[in-house]
């Protein structure tokens, strides 16, 4: 993402729901040769302009999600969630979305 290139990945819930969130940033395909072939033709057909826009969007999303300070904060929350007692666990274990 941070390279500014459009993303391409298999269409799995963990990826399409969190990493590649829409067609604005890349392409997804079923894990079959036919589906991969179809998406590669789509990339070819879309051309450089579309690919550049998708790459810019992917980079912006990557900068919002994966900079070092945010990753450290996310791991800190995970550690506190795992290690905290039942009372304060809810506040640390609640997902804090920072992408708008």
C-alpha atoms as a PDB file:
ATOM      1  CA  UNK A   1       0.000   0.000   0.000  1.00  0.00           C
ATOM      2  CA  UNK A   2       2.627   2.498   1.018  1.00  0.00           C
ATOM      3  CA  UNK A   3       4.390   2.065  -2.318  1.00  0.00           C
ATOM      4  CA  UNK A   4       1.485   3.817  -4.030  1.00  0.00           C
ATOM      5  CA  UNK A   5       0.640   0.830  -6.196  1.00  0.00           C
ATOM      6  CA  UNK A   6      -2.880  -0.566  -6.567  1.00  0.00           C
ATOM      7  CA  UNK A   7      -3.482  -3.689  -4.531  1.00  0.00           C
ATOM      8  CA  UNK A   8      -4.442  -7.090  -5.900  1.00  0.00           C
ATOM      9  CA  UNK A   9      -5.486  -9.960  -3.678  1.00  0.00           C
ATOM     10  CA  UNK A  10      -7.682 -13.017  -3.423  1.00  0.00           C
ATOM     11  CA  UNK A  11     -11.245 -12.297  -2.365  1.00  0.00           C
ATOM     12  CA  UNK A  12     -11.214 -13.472   1.244  1.00  0.00           C
ATOM     13  CA  UNK A  13     -13.267 -11.851   4.018  1.00  0.00           C
ATOM     14  CA  UNK A  14     -10.238 -10.942   6.104  1.00  0.00           C
ATOM     15  CA  UNK A  15      -8.674  -9.065   3.186  1.00  0.00           C
ATOM     16  CA  UNK A  16     -11.672  -7.469   1.499  1.00  0.00           C
ATOM     17  CA  UNK A  17     -13.129  -6.370   4.825  1.00  0.00           C
ATOM     18  CA  UNK A  18     -10.003  -4.792   6.234  1.00  0.00           C
ATOM     19  CA  UNK A  19      -7.245  -4.257   3.684  1.00  0.00           C
ATOM     20  CA  UNK A  20      -8.767  -3.828   0.237  1.00  0.00           C
ATOM     21  CA  UNK A  21     -12.000  -2.112   1.242  1.00  0.00           C
ATOM     22  CA  UNK A  22     -13.270  -1.273  -2.214  1.00  0.00           C
ATOM     23  CA  UNK A  23     -12.533  -1.002  -5.903  1.00  0.00           C
ATOM     24  CA  UNK A  24     -10.989   2.438  -5.341  1.00  0.00           C
ATOM     25  CA  UNK A  25      -7.725   0.930  -4.190  1.00  0.00           C
ATOM     26  CA  UNK A  26      -7.296  -2.299  -6.077  1.00  0.00           C
ATOM     27  CA  UNK A  27      -8.606  -5.566  -7.370  1.00  0.00           C
ATOM     28  CA  UNK A  28      -9.815  -8.763  -5.762  1.00  0.00           C
ATOM     29  CA  UNK A  29     -10.364 -12.143  -7.340  1.00  0.00           C
ATOM     30  CA  UNK A  30     -11.493 -15.623  -6.374  1.00  0.00           C
ATOM     31  CA  UNK A  31      -8.607 -18.030  -5.767  1.00  0.00           C
ATOM     32  CA  UNK A  32      -8.877 -19.630  -9.199  1.00  0.00           C
ATOM     33  CA  UNK A  33      -6.765 -19.316 -12.313  1.00  0.00           C
ATOM     34  CA  UNK A  34      -9.759 -18.114 -14.351  1.00  0.00           C
ATOM     35  CA  UNK A  35     -10.553 -15.352 -11.862  1.00  0.00           C
ATOM     36  CA  UNK A  36      -6.915 -14.236 -11.698  1.00  0.00           C
ATOM     37  CA  UNK A  37      -6.775 -14.155 -15.496  1.00  0.00           C
ATOM     38  CA  UNK A  38      -9.949 -12.045 -15.629  1.00  0.00           C
ATOM     39  CA  UNK A  39      -8.628  -9.509 -13.122  1.00  0.00           C
ATOM     40  CA  UNK A  40      -5.303  -9.253 -14.970  1.00  0.00           C
ATOM     41  CA  UNK A  41      -7.220  -8.438 -18.151  1.00  0.00           C
ATOM     42  CA  UNK A  42      -9.170  -5.843 -16.155  1.00  0.00           C
ATOM     43  CA  UNK A  43      -5.933  -4.239 -14.967  1.00  0.00           C
ATOM     44  CA  UNK A  44      -4.676  -4.126 -18.551  1.00  0.00           C
ATOM     45  CA  UNK A  45      -7.947  -2.621 -19.777  1.00  0.00           C
ATOM     46  CA  UNK A  46      -8.137   0.017 -17.005  1.00  0.00           C
ATOM     47  CA  UNK A  47      -4.844   1.572 -18.058  1.00  0.00           C
ATOM     48  CA  UNK A  48      -2.280   3.751 -16.338  1.00  0.00           C
ATOM     49  CA  UNK A  49      -4.603   6.564 -15.267  1.00  0.00           C
ATOM     50  CA  UNK A  50      -6.951   4.296 -13.315  1.00  0.00           C
ATOM     51  CA  UNK A  51      -4.019   2.368 -11.841  1.00  0.00           C
ATOM     52  CA  UNK A  52      -2.388   5.596 -10.691  1.00  0.00           C
ATOM     53  CA  UNK A  53      -5.601   6.753  -8.949  1.00  0.00           C
ATOM     54  CA  UNK A  54      -6.037   3.373  -7.259  1.00  0.00           C
ATOM     55  CA  UNK A  55      -2.411   3.471  -6.131  1.00  0.00           C
ATOM     56  CA  UNK A  56      -2.790   6.955  -4.666  1.00  0.00           C
ATOM     57  CA  UNK A  57      -5.888   5.876  -2.755  1.00  0.00           C
ATOM     58  CA  UNK A  58      -4.097   2.762  -1.482  1.00  0.00           C
ATOM     59  CA  UNK A  59      -1.149   4.857  -0.308  1.00  0.00           C
ATOM     60  CA  UNK A  60      -3.415   7.272   1.572  1.00  0.00           C
ATOM     61  CA  UNK A  61      -5.159   4.371   3.294  1.00  0.00           C
ATOM     62  CA  UNK A  62      -1.827   2.796   4.154  1.00  0.00           C
ATOM     63  CA  UNK A  63      -0.542   6.051   5.641  1.00  0.00           C
ATOM     64  CA  UNK A  64      -3.650   6.331   7.788  1.00  0.00           C
ATOM     65  CA  UNK A  65      -3.533   2.737   9.012  1.00  0.00           C
ATOM     66  CA  UNK A  66       0.025   1.501   9.075  1.00  0.00           C
ATOM     67  CA  UNK A  67       2.352   4.264  10.250  1.00  0.00           C
ATOM     68  CA  UNK A  68       4.626   3.254  13.115  1.00  0.00           C
ATOM     69  CA  UNK A  69       2.887   5.227  15.867  1.00  0.00           C
ATOM     70  CA  UNK A  70      -0.520   3.760  15.021  1.00  0.00           C
ATOM     71  CA  UNK A  71       0.862   0.239  14.831  1.00  0.00           C
ATOM     72  CA  UNK A  72       2.547   0.649  18.228  1.00  0.00           C
ATOM     73  CA  UNK A  73      -0.712   1.973  19.706  1.00  0.00           C
ATOM     74  CA  UNK A  74      -2.643  -0.964  18.224  1.00  0.00           C
ATOM     75  CA  UNK A  75      -0.207  -3.507  19.696  1.00  0.00           C
ATOM     76  CA  UNK A  76      -0.304  -1.707  23.040  1.00  0.00           C
ATOM     77  CA  UNK A  77      -4.124  -1.919  23.071  1.00  0.00           C
ATOM     78  CA  UNK A  78      -3.923  -5.605  22.161  1.00  0.00           C
ATOM     79  CA  UNK A  79      -1.467  -6.287  24.990  1.00  0.00           C
ATOM     80  CA  UNK A  80      -3.605  -4.349  27.477  1.00  0.00           C
ATOM     81  CA  UNK A  81      -6.720  -6.166  26.296  1.00  0.00           C
ATOM     82  CA  UNK A  82      -5.093  -9.556  26.780  1.00  0.00           C
ATOM     83  CA  UNK A  83      -3.492  -8.737  30.110  1.00  0.00           C
ATOM     84  CA  UNK A  84      -6.162  -6.572  31.777  1.00  0.00           C
ATOM     85  CA  UNK A  85      -8.747  -7.719  34.286  1.00  0.00           C
ATOM     86  CA  UNK A  86     -12.458  -7.940  33.455  1.00  0.00           C
ATOM     87  CA  UNK A  87     -13.370  -4.372  34.481  1.00  0.00           C
ATOM     88  CA  UNK A  88     -11.069  -2.390  32.203  1.00  0.00           C
ATOM     89  CA  UNK A  89     -10.944  -5.045  29.483  1.00  0.00           C
ATOM     90  CA  UNK A  90     -13.866  -3.587  27.534  1.00  0.00           C
ATOM     91  CA  UNK A  91     -12.214  -0.217  26.984  1.00  0.00           C
ATOM     92  CA  UNK A  92      -8.985  -1.762  25.661  1.00  0.00           C
ATOM     93  CA  UNK A  93     -10.705  -4.484  23.642  1.00  0.00           C
ATOM     94  CA  UNK A  94     -13.016  -2.180  21.701  1.00  0.00           C
ATOM     95  CA  UNK A  95     -11.906  -1.468  18.139  1.00  0.00           C
ATOM     96  CA  UNK A  96     -10.930   2.176  17.657  1.00  0.00           C
ATOM     97  CA  UNK A  97     -11.388   3.078  13.993  1.00  0.00           C
ATOM     98  CA  UNK A  98      -9.096   5.853  12.779  1.00  0.00           C
ATOM     99  CA  UNK A  99      -9.888   5.664   9.059  1.00  0.00           C
ATOM    100  CA  UNK A 100     -12.584   8.025   7.815  1.00  0.00           C
END
